[in-house]
Amino acid sequence: MTKTIPFRNCDGCPIRHRAICATCDSSEFVQLEAMKYYRSYSAGQTIKWAGDRMEFVASIVAGTATIQHLVEDGRKQTVGLLLPSDFIGRPGRETALYDVTAITDVTLCCFRRGEFEKLVESTPHIAQRMLAMALDELDAARDWMFLLGRKTARERIASFLLLIQRRTVSIEGLAAPQPAPILLPLTRDAMSDYLGLTLETVTRQFSKLKADGIIEYASKREVFIPDLAALRDVAGEVTGY
């Protein structure tokens, strides 16, 4: 699918300071510019099927995607969310291990895999950036294992809201007199799959959080968080960040 990209160079990229290229110098950006291209996907479109050959690696510039694992009897489990600045693919890995599906309209900044692998091998601080992002992903996976294994339904919903808030609201937005709403990238049904809950439980817990004044609705998919500290308390966090 072809869409108009509002920027064409790295200087105007909205994820410039958070993505895999965050530590690149000017000469490395020249190399990245030479090997990159953009791809856009509509909500519901598959970006990669498990087993597909990985012709490219990519950073998500805009939108949200899910990582799903398919079991033999046809069931699917959502095992991860990909948000702006997250990376798709692994240097040295030729095929995709999971299905990657656009949940909203998604724009990718893609790099041809072979050329990107050579750049990583010759540029230590890009390799270090990849390692740091991989370790962050590992920490997030461990946190999610704890959430699914030990947290209550109410705590899971609160933790999910904090995850989205932290990844989508800017520092300027947090400092503003009125908190900015966050757009929920998942439907209630997709959220129930991701959180290991029933649809009825997800709907009920959102209603309780609203009744308790923890969240407010700006629209069906937009949520205000009037008091982040209160939401962290509901999520069972010892400290916020």
Protein backbone atom coordinates (compact mmCIF):
# COMPACT_ATOMS: atom_id res chain seq x y z
CA MET A 1 0.00 0.00 0.00
CA THR A 2 1.35 3.47 -0.90
CA LYS A 3 0.83 6.48 1.29
CA THR A 4 2.36 9.94 1.44
CA ILE A 5 5.20 10.05 3.95
CA PRO A 6 5.33 13.46 5.69
CA PHE A 7 9.14 13.36 5.90
CA ARG A 8 11.85 11.97 3.68
CA ASN A 9 15.05 12.47 5.62
CA CYS A 10 16.28 11.55 9.08
CA ASP A 11 16.27 15.15 10.37
CA GLY A 12 12.46 15.25 10.21
CA CYS A 13 11.88 11.76 11.60
CA PRO A 14 9.66 11.71 14.74
CA ILE A 15 11.55 8.73 16.24
CA ARG A 16 15.00 10.06 15.40
CA HIS A 17 16.21 10.18 19.03
CA ARG A 18 14.67 6.87 20.19
CA ALA A 19 15.20 4.45 17.32
CA ILE A 20 18.04 2.11 16.39
CA CYS A 21 19.79 5.04 14.68
CA ALA A 22 19.71 7.31 17.74
CA THR A 23 23.51 7.19 18.22
CA CYS A 24 24.48 7.52 14.54
CA ASP A 25 26.77 10.30 13.38
CA SER A 26 26.40 12.27 10.15
CA SER A 27 28.43 9.84 8.02
CA GLU A 28 26.39 6.87 9.26
CA PHE A 29 23.16 8.68 8.47
CA VAL A 30 24.41 9.07 4.91
CA GLN A 31 24.83 5.28 4.74
CA LEU A 32 21.40 4.68 6.26
CA GLU A 33 19.78 7.11 3.83
CA ALA A 34 21.27 5.13 0.95
CA MET A 35 19.82 1.80 2.11
CA LYS A 36 16.46 2.84 3.56
CA TYR A 37 12.96 2.99 2.13
CA TYR A 38 9.49 3.40 3.61
CA ARG A 39 6.59 0.97 3.65
CA SER A 40 3.03 1.58 4.85
CA TYR A 41 0.45 -0.96 6.00
CA SER A 42 -3.25 -0.59 6.72
CA ALA A 43 -4.80 -1.72 10.00
CA GLY A 44 -5.28 -5.49 9.90
CA GLN A 45 -2.64 -6.07 7.23
CA THR A 46 0.10 -8.63 7.89
CA ILE A 47 3.61 -7.17 7.84
CA LYS A 48 5.38 -10.52 8.17
CA TRP A 49 4.19 -14.12 8.45
CA ALA A 50 6.17 -16.57 10.58
CA GLY A 51 8.58 -18.35 8.24
CA ASP A 52 8.78 -15.46 5.76
CA ARG A 53 12.23 -14.59 4.52
CA MET A 54 13.40 -11.36 6.15
CA GLU A 55 14.44 -9.16 3.24
CA PHE A 56 14.52 -6.11 5.49
CA VAL A 57 14.72 -4.93 9.08
CA ALA A 58 12.74 -1.89 10.12
CA SER A 59 11.86 0.70 12.73
CA ILE A 60 8.21 1.54 13.34
CA VAL A 61 7.85 5.25 12.62
CA ALA A 62 4.12 5.50 13.29
CA GLY A 63 1.35 3.13 14.35
CA THR A 64 1.11 -0.08 16.36
CA ALA A 65 1.62 -3.73 15.44
CA THR A 66 1.30 -6.99 17.33
CA ILE A 67 3.62 -9.97 17.47
CA GLN A 68 1.63 -13.21 17.47
CA HIS A 69 2.53 -16.86 17.88
CA LEU A 70 0.45 -19.52 16.11
CA VAL A 71 0.04 -22.97 17.68
CA GLU A 72 -0.69 -26.16 15.76
CA ASP A 73 -4.44 -26.19 16.44
CA GLY A 74 -4.86 -22.74 14.92
CA ARG A 75 -4.97 -20.68 18.10
CA LYS A 76 -3.01 -17.43 18.20
CA GLN A 77 -1.47 -15.71 21.19
CA THR A 78 -0.38 -12.09 21.15
CA VAL A 79 3.10 -12.09 22.69
CA GLY A 80 4.14 -8.49 22.16
CA LEU A 81 3.28 -4.98 21.03
CA LEU A 82 5.39 -2.92 18.63
CA LEU A 83 5.10 0.83 19.08
CA PRO A 84 6.91 3.79 17.42
CA SER A 85 10.74 3.38 17.56
CA ASP A 86 10.49 -0.40 18.11
CA PHE A 87 12.56 -2.57 15.79
CA ILE A 88 11.39 -5.44 13.57
CA GLY A 89 13.85 -8.16 12.58
CA ARG A 90 17.23 -9.34 13.78
CA PRO A 91 20.55 -9.10 11.94
CA GLY A 92 21.74 -12.60 11.14
CA ARG A 93 18.24 -14.10 11.18
CA GLU A 94 16.93 -14.95 7.73
CA THR A 95 13.31 -15.84 8.54
CA ALA A 96 10.61 -14.38 10.77
CA LEU A 97 9.73 -16.38 13.88
CA TYR A 98 6.34 -14.75 14.52
CA ASP A 99 3.46 -13.14 12.66
CA VAL A 100 3.66 -9.34 12.76
CA THR A 101 0.32 -7.61 12.08
CA ALA A 102 -0.56 -3.92 11.83
CA ILE A 103 -3.22 -3.04 14.41
CA THR A 104 -3.45 0.57 13.28
CA ASP A 105 -2.10 2.09 10.08
CA VAL A 106 1.67 1.56 10.28
CA THR A 107 4.62 3.29 8.63
CA LEU A 108 7.99 1.50 8.62
CA CYS A 109 11.45 2.83 7.94
CA CYS A 110 13.05 -0.22 6.31
CA PHE A 111 16.69 -1.13 5.75
CA ARG A 112 17.83 -3.84 3.38
CA ARG A 113 18.95 -6.59 5.71
CA GLY A 114 22.30 -7.47 4.15
CA GLU A 115 23.48 -3.87 3.97
CA PHE A 116 22.27 -3.16 7.50
CA GLU A 117 24.12 -6.21 8.86
CA LYS A 118 27.36 -4.95 7.30
CA LEU A 119 26.83 -1.52 8.87
CA VAL A 120 26.24 -3.09 12.31
CA GLU A 121 29.42 -5.16 11.98
CA SER A 122 31.50 -2.11 11.11
CA THR A 123 29.93 0.33 13.57
CA PRO A 124 30.35 -0.66 17.24
CA HIS A 125 28.02 1.95 18.73
CA ILE A 126 25.14 0.85 16.47
CA ALA A 127 25.73 -2.70 17.68
CA GLN A 128 25.73 -1.36 21.26
CA ARG A 129 22.46 0.45 20.60
CA MET A 130 20.94 -2.80 19.31
CA LEU A 131 22.14 -4.60 22.43
CA ALA A 132 20.64 -1.94 24.70
CA MET A 133 17.28 -2.15 22.89
CA ALA A 134 17.36 -5.96 23.05
CA LEU A 135 18.01 -5.85 26.80
CA ASP A 136 15.16 -3.38 27.27
CA GLU A 137 12.93 -5.79 25.34
CA LEU A 138 14.06 -8.64 27.59
CA ASP A 139 13.23 -6.61 30.71
CA ALA A 140 9.80 -5.80 29.26
CA ALA A 141 9.19 -9.49 28.53
CA ARG A 142 10.08 -10.40 32.12
CA ASP A 143 7.75 -7.72 33.43
CA TRP A 144 4.97 -9.08 31.22
CA MET A 145 5.59 -12.63 32.48
CA PHE A 146 5.10 -11.33 36.01
CA LEU A 147 1.98 -9.43 34.98
CA LEU A 148 0.36 -12.47 33.39
CA GLY A 149 1.38 -14.81 36.20
CA ARG A 150 0.73 -12.75 39.32
CA LYS A 151 -1.23 -9.56 38.72
CA THR A 152 -4.99 -9.21 39.11
CA ALA A 153 -7.21 -8.15 36.22
CA ARG A 154 -7.37 -4.59 37.58
CA GLU A 155 -3.58 -4.43 37.89
CA ARG A 156 -3.13 -5.78 34.37
CA ILE A 157 -5.36 -3.11 32.85
CA ALA A 158 -3.56 -0.38 34.82
CA SER A 159 -0.15 -1.72 33.77
CA PHE A 160 -1.25 -1.78 30.13
CA LEU A 161 -2.40 1.85 30.32
CA LEU A 162 0.92 2.87 31.86
CA LEU A 163 2.80 1.07 29.08
CA ILE A 164 0.90 2.96 26.38
CA GLN A 165 1.15 6.27 28.25
CA ARG A 166 4.90 6.01 28.67
CA ARG A 167 5.48 5.20 25.03
CA THR A 168 3.12 7.73 23.43
CA VAL A 169 2.92 10.85 25.64
CA SER A 170 5.74 13.35 25.38
CA ILE A 171 7.49 15.00 28.33
CA GLU A 172 5.91 18.29 27.23
CA GLY A 173 2.51 16.66 27.41
CA LEU A 174 3.15 15.49 30.98
CA ALA A 175 4.12 19.01 31.99
CA ALA A 176 1.07 20.61 30.40
CA PRO A 177 -1.72 21.99 32.65
CA GLN A 178 -4.14 19.41 31.26
CA PRO A 179 -2.98 15.81 30.71
CA ALA A 180 -3.00 14.71 27.08
CA PRO A 181 -5.27 11.79 26.21
CA ILE A 182 -3.70 8.52 25.14
CA LEU A 183 -5.03 6.63 22.15
CA LEU A 184 -5.59 2.96 22.92
CA PRO A 185 -4.11 1.02 19.97
CA LEU A 186 -5.98 -2.20 20.70
CA THR A 187 -9.68 -3.00 20.63
CA ARG A 188 -11.15 -4.45 23.82
CA ASP A 189 -11.11 -7.88 22.17
CA ALA A 190 -7.43 -7.63 21.19
CA MET A 191 -6.63 -6.27 24.63
CA SER A 192 -8.26 -9.27 26.31
CA ASP A 193 -6.07 -11.59 24.21
CA TYR A 194 -2.91 -9.65 25.03
CA LEU A 195 -3.66 -9.47 28.76
CA GLY A 196 -4.92 -13.03 29.16
CA LEU A 197 -8.41 -11.91 30.23
CA THR A 198 -11.93 -12.35 28.93
CA LEU A 199 -13.58 -9.54 27.00
CA GLU A 200 -16.17 -9.16 29.75
CA THR A 201 -13.46 -8.78 32.40
CA VAL A 202 -11.63 -6.11 30.38
CA THR A 203 -14.85 -4.14 29.87
CA ARG A 204 -15.80 -4.44 33.53
CA GLN A 205 -12.38 -3.31 34.78
CA PHE A 206 -12.35 -0.27 32.51
CA SER A 207 -15.77 0.68 33.87
CA LYS A 208 -14.50 0.33 37.46
CA LEU A 209 -11.41 2.45 36.76
CA LYS A 210 -13.67 5.15 35.32
CA ALA A 211 -16.07 4.96 38.25
CA ASP A 212 -13.13 5.31 40.66
CA GLY A 213 -11.86 8.41 38.85
CA ILE A 214 -8.62 6.72 37.78
CA ILE A 215 -9.35 7.27 34.08
CA GLU A 216 -11.66 9.45 32.03
CA TYR A 217 -12.80 9.00 28.43
CA ALA A 218 -12.12 11.59 25.75
CA SER A 219 -13.68 9.25 23.17
CA LYS A 220 -14.25 5.51 22.78
CA ARG A 221 -10.54 4.89 22.14
CA GLU A 222 -9.01 7.91 23.94
CA VAL A 223 -8.37 7.89 27.67
CA PHE A 224 -7.30 10.64 30.07
CA ILE A 225 -5.21 9.72 33.11
CA PRO A 226 -5.85 12.54 35.61
CA ASP A 227 -3.40 11.20 38.23
CA LEU A 228 -0.49 9.04 37.10
CA ALA A 229 0.51 8.28 40.69
CA ALA A 230 -2.95 6.83 41.37
CA LEU A 231 -2.71 4.66 38.26
CA ARG A 232 0.74 3.42 39.31
CA ASP A 233 -0.68 2.52 42.69
CA VAL A 234 -3.49 0.53 41.05
CA ALA A 235 -0.90 -1.23 38.86
CA GLY A 236 1.00 -2.32 41.96
CA GLU A 237 4.20 -0.49 41.04
CA VAL A 238 6.63 0.18 43.85
CA THR A 239 8.07 3.23 42.07
CA GLY A 240 7.19 5.11 38.93
CA TYR A 241 9.48 6.38 36.22
